[in-house]
């Protein structure tokens, strides 16, 4: 069965978890932007504190519960294709 990588999915997290993840990612993006090198091929993620780490683990668990693709035998290929698709947007 072919995975539809364009299909939308819904995950459930608390508003607190989402708020912490949003702030973590927004702060990380600001640090990357402030680095001044827009050609850098890496995305700098700030070192998460305990609350941020827990929220990120909750997100990981929600994704794992929602997407059977994380257990697919061709998982590496799915990731490769998804990255190509996202990079072209």
N, C-alpha and C. Protein backbone atom coordinates (compact mmCIF):
# COMPACT_ATOMS: atom_id res chain seq x y z
N UNK A 1 0.84 -1.19 0.00
CA UNK A 1 0.00 0.00 0.00
C UNK A 1 0.88 1.24 0.00
N UNK A 2 0.67 2.12 -0.94
CA UNK A 2 1.45 3.35 -1.10
C UNK A 2 1.01 4.41 -0.08
N UNK A 3 1.95 4.99 0.62
CA UNK A 3 1.64 6.05 1.59
C UNK A 3 1.35 7.35 0.85
N UNK A 4 0.26 8.01 1.21
CA UNK A 4 -0.08 9.31 0.65
C UNK A 4 0.54 10.37 1.54
N UNK A 5 1.69 10.89 1.14
CA UNK A 5 2.42 11.85 1.96
C UNK A 5 1.79 13.24 1.93
N UNK A 6 0.78 13.44 1.12
CA UNK A 6 0.08 14.73 1.05
C UNK A 6 -1.17 14.75 1.91
N UNK A 7 -1.57 13.61 2.44
CA UNK A 7 -2.78 13.50 3.25
C UNK A 7 -2.60 14.25 4.57
N UNK A 8 -3.61 15.01 4.97
CA UNK A 8 -3.58 15.69 6.26
C UNK A 8 -3.93 14.72 7.38
N UNK A 9 -3.31 14.91 8.53
CA UNK A 9 -3.61 14.11 9.71
C UNK A 9 -3.88 15.04 10.88
N UNK A 10 -4.56 14.53 11.86
CA UNK A 10 -4.86 15.30 13.06
C UNK A 10 -4.21 14.62 14.24
N UNK A 11 -3.52 15.39 15.07
CA UNK A 11 -2.96 14.86 16.30
C UNK A 11 -3.51 15.66 17.47
N UNK A 12 -3.57 15.04 18.61
CA UNK A 12 -4.10 15.69 19.80
C UNK A 12 -3.00 15.93 20.82
N UNK A 13 -2.83 17.19 21.17
CA UNK A 13 -1.92 17.60 22.24
C UNK A 13 -2.64 18.65 23.06
N UNK A 14 -2.19 18.82 24.27
CA UNK A 14 -2.80 19.88 25.08
C UNK A 14 -2.36 21.25 24.55
N UNK A 15 -3.14 22.27 24.87
CA UNK A 15 -2.76 23.62 24.46
C UNK A 15 -1.42 24.01 25.08
N UNK A 16 -1.17 23.56 26.29
CA UNK A 16 0.11 23.84 26.94
C UNK A 16 1.27 23.23 26.17
N UNK A 17 1.12 21.98 25.76
CA UNK A 17 2.18 21.32 24.98
C UNK A 17 2.42 22.06 23.68
N UNK A 18 1.33 22.41 22.98
CA UNK A 18 1.49 23.12 21.71
C UNK A 18 2.10 24.50 21.89
N UNK A 19 1.71 25.18 22.93
CA UNK A 19 2.26 26.51 23.19
C UNK A 19 3.77 26.44 23.44
N UNK A 20 4.19 25.46 24.23
CA UNK A 20 5.61 25.30 24.52
C UNK A 20 6.38 24.92 23.26
N UNK A 21 5.83 24.01 22.44
CA UNK A 21 6.49 23.62 21.19
C UNK A 21 6.57 24.79 20.24
N UNK A 22 5.50 25.56 20.13
CA UNK A 22 5.51 26.74 19.26
C UNK A 22 6.61 27.71 19.68
N UNK A 23 6.69 28.01 20.96
CA UNK A 23 7.70 28.97 21.44
C UNK A 23 9.10 28.43 21.20
N UNK A 24 9.30 27.16 21.44
CA UNK A 24 10.61 26.54 21.21
C UNK A 24 11.02 26.67 19.74
N UNK A 25 10.11 26.33 18.84
CA UNK A 25 10.42 26.40 17.41
C UNK A 25 10.58 27.84 16.94
N UNK A 26 9.75 28.74 17.45
CA UNK A 26 9.86 30.16 17.06
C UNK A 26 11.19 30.74 17.55
N UNK A 27 11.58 30.41 18.76
CA UNK A 27 12.86 30.89 19.29
C UNK A 27 14.03 30.32 18.50
N UNK A 28 13.93 29.06 18.14
CA UNK A 28 14.97 28.43 17.35
C UNK A 28 15.10 29.09 15.98
N UNK A 29 13.94 29.38 15.36
CA UNK A 29 13.97 30.05 14.06
C UNK A 29 14.60 31.44 14.18
N UNK A 30 14.27 32.15 15.24
CA UNK A 30 14.85 33.49 15.45
C UNK A 30 16.37 33.39 15.61
N UNK A 31 16.86 32.37 16.31
CA UNK A 31 18.30 32.19 16.46
C UNK A 31 18.95 31.88 15.13
N UNK A 32 18.31 31.04 14.32
CA UNK A 32 18.84 30.74 12.99
C UNK A 32 18.88 31.99 12.13
N UNK A 33 17.79 32.76 12.15
CA UNK A 33 17.71 33.99 11.35
C UNK A 33 18.77 34.99 11.79
N UNK A 34 18.98 35.09 13.10
CA UNK A 34 19.96 36.04 13.63
C UNK A 34 21.40 35.64 13.31
N UNK A 35 21.60 34.37 12.92
CA UNK A 35 22.96 33.92 12.62
C UNK A 35 23.53 34.66 11.41
N UNK A 36 22.64 35.23 10.59
CA UNK A 36 23.09 36.03 9.46
C UNK A 36 23.46 35.24 8.23
N UNK A 37 23.60 33.94 8.35
CA UNK A 37 23.99 33.13 7.20
C UNK A 37 22.78 32.39 6.68
N UNK A 38 22.04 33.00 5.80
CA UNK A 38 20.82 32.41 5.26
C UNK A 38 21.11 31.22 4.34
N UNK A 39 22.37 31.00 3.98
CA UNK A 39 22.72 29.88 3.11
C UNK A 39 23.07 28.62 3.89
N UNK A 40 23.09 28.71 5.20
CA UNK A 40 23.43 27.55 6.03
C UNK A 40 22.38 26.47 5.80
N UNK A 41 22.82 25.25 5.62
CA UNK A 41 21.92 24.14 5.33
C UNK A 41 21.37 23.48 6.59
N UNK A 42 21.63 24.06 7.74
CA UNK A 42 21.14 23.47 8.99
C UNK A 42 20.15 24.40 9.63
N UNK A 43 19.31 23.84 10.45
CA UNK A 43 18.33 24.60 11.21
C UNK A 43 18.74 24.45 12.67
N UNK A 44 19.05 25.56 13.30
CA UNK A 44 19.56 25.52 14.67
C UNK A 44 18.39 25.36 15.63
N UNK A 45 18.42 24.29 16.40
CA UNK A 45 17.42 24.11 17.45
C UNK A 45 18.08 24.41 18.79
N UNK A 46 17.46 25.31 19.51
CA UNK A 46 17.96 25.65 20.83
C UNK A 46 17.89 24.43 21.72
N UNK A 47 18.79 24.34 22.66
CA UNK A 47 18.77 23.22 23.61
C UNK A 47 17.48 23.31 24.43
N UNK A 48 16.64 22.28 24.36
CA UNK A 48 15.37 22.35 25.08
C UNK A 48 15.55 22.21 26.58
N UNK A 49 14.73 22.94 27.33
CA UNK A 49 14.71 22.74 28.78
C UNK A 49 13.79 21.55 29.06
N UNK A 50 13.61 21.20 30.32
CA UNK A 50 12.83 20.01 30.66
C UNK A 50 11.38 20.10 30.16
N UNK A 51 10.75 21.25 30.29
CA UNK A 51 9.38 21.41 29.81
C UNK A 51 9.29 21.28 28.30
N UNK A 52 10.24 21.90 27.60
CA UNK A 52 10.26 21.81 26.14
C UNK A 52 10.52 20.37 25.68
N UNK A 53 11.45 19.71 26.33
CA UNK A 53 11.76 18.33 25.98
C UNK A 53 10.53 17.44 26.16
N UNK A 54 9.82 17.62 27.27
CA UNK A 54 8.62 16.82 27.52
C UNK A 54 7.55 17.09 26.47
N UNK A 55 7.37 18.37 26.10
CA UNK A 55 6.39 18.72 25.07
C UNK A 55 6.78 18.11 23.72
N UNK A 56 8.06 18.13 23.39
CA UNK A 56 8.52 17.54 22.14
C UNK A 56 8.33 16.03 22.14
N UNK A 57 8.55 15.38 23.28
CA UNK A 57 8.31 13.94 23.38
C UNK A 57 6.83 13.65 23.22
N UNK A 58 5.97 14.52 23.76
CA UNK A 58 4.53 14.34 23.59
C UNK A 58 4.15 14.43 22.12
N UNK A 59 4.77 15.36 21.41
CA UNK A 59 4.53 15.48 19.97
C UNK A 59 4.99 14.21 19.25
N UNK A 60 6.17 13.73 19.60
CA UNK A 60 6.68 12.50 18.98
C UNK A 60 5.71 11.34 19.23
N UNK A 61 5.23 11.20 20.44
CA UNK A 61 4.29 10.12 20.78
C UNK A 61 2.98 10.27 20.01
N UNK A 62 2.48 11.50 19.89
CA UNK A 62 1.24 11.73 19.15
C UNK A 62 1.41 11.36 17.68
N UNK A 63 2.56 11.69 17.12
CA UNK A 63 2.83 11.34 15.73
C UNK A 63 2.90 9.82 15.59
N UNK A 64 3.58 9.17 16.51
CA UNK A 64 3.72 7.72 16.46
C UNK A 64 2.37 7.01 16.57
N UNK A 65 1.48 7.53 17.43
CA UNK A 65 0.15 6.94 17.58
C UNK A 65 -0.72 7.18 16.35
N UNK A 66 -0.44 8.23 15.58
CA UNK A 66 -1.30 8.64 14.48
C UNK A 66 -0.87 8.06 13.13
N UNK A 67 0.42 7.87 12.94
CA UNK A 67 0.93 7.52 11.61
C UNK A 67 1.54 6.14 11.59
N UNK A 68 0.88 5.22 10.92
CA UNK A 68 1.42 3.86 10.79
C UNK A 68 2.72 3.86 9.98
N UNK A 69 2.94 4.90 9.20
CA UNK A 69 4.13 4.99 8.36
C UNK A 69 5.43 4.92 9.16
N UNK A 70 5.40 5.32 10.44
CA UNK A 70 6.64 5.27 11.22
C UNK A 70 7.12 3.83 11.44
N UNK A 71 6.25 2.86 11.19
CA UNK A 71 6.60 1.45 11.34
C UNK A 71 6.76 0.74 9.99
N UNK A 72 6.67 1.49 8.91
CA UNK A 72 6.73 0.90 7.56
C UNK A 72 8.14 0.38 7.27
N UNK A 73 8.23 -0.72 6.54
CA UNK A 73 9.55 -1.25 6.18
C UNK A 73 10.33 -0.29 5.28
N UNK A 74 9.62 0.56 4.54
CA UNK A 74 10.29 1.54 3.67
C UNK A 74 10.31 2.94 4.30
N UNK A 75 10.36 2.99 5.62
CA UNK A 75 10.35 4.25 6.37
C UNK A 75 11.41 5.23 5.86
N UNK A 76 12.63 4.76 5.65
CA UNK A 76 13.70 5.65 5.17
C UNK A 76 13.36 6.27 3.83
N UNK A 77 12.77 5.48 2.96
CA UNK A 77 12.37 5.98 1.64
C UNK A 77 11.23 7.00 1.78
N UNK A 78 10.29 6.73 2.67
CA UNK A 78 9.20 7.69 2.90
C UNK A 78 9.75 9.03 3.39
N UNK A 79 10.70 8.98 4.30
CA UNK A 79 11.32 10.22 4.81
C UNK A 79 12.03 10.95 3.68
N UNK A 80 12.78 10.22 2.87
CA UNK A 80 13.51 10.83 1.76
C UNK A 80 12.55 11.54 0.81
N UNK A 81 11.46 10.85 0.44
CA UNK A 81 10.47 11.45 -0.47
C UNK A 81 9.78 12.65 0.14
N UNK A 82 9.44 12.55 1.41
CA UNK A 82 8.75 13.65 2.09
C UNK A 82 9.66 14.89 2.13
N UNK A 83 10.94 14.69 2.39
CA UNK A 83 11.88 15.83 2.43
C UNK A 83 11.98 16.49 1.06
N UNK A 84 12.04 15.68 0.03
CA UNK A 84 12.11 16.23 -1.34
C UNK A 84 10.86 17.04 -1.63
N UNK A 85 9.69 16.48 -1.31
CA UNK A 85 8.43 17.18 -1.55
C UNK A 85 8.37 18.50 -0.77
N UNK A 86 8.76 18.47 0.49
CA UNK A 86 8.71 19.68 1.31
C UNK A 86 9.71 20.73 0.85
N UNK A 87 10.88 20.30 0.43
CA UNK A 87 11.90 21.24 -0.04
C UNK A 87 11.48 21.94 -1.32
N UNK A 88 10.61 21.32 -2.09
CA UNK A 88 10.19 21.94 -3.35
C UNK A 88 9.03 22.90 -3.17
N UNK A 89 8.47 22.99 -1.97
CA UNK A 89 7.34 23.90 -1.73
C UNK A 89 7.79 25.34 -1.62
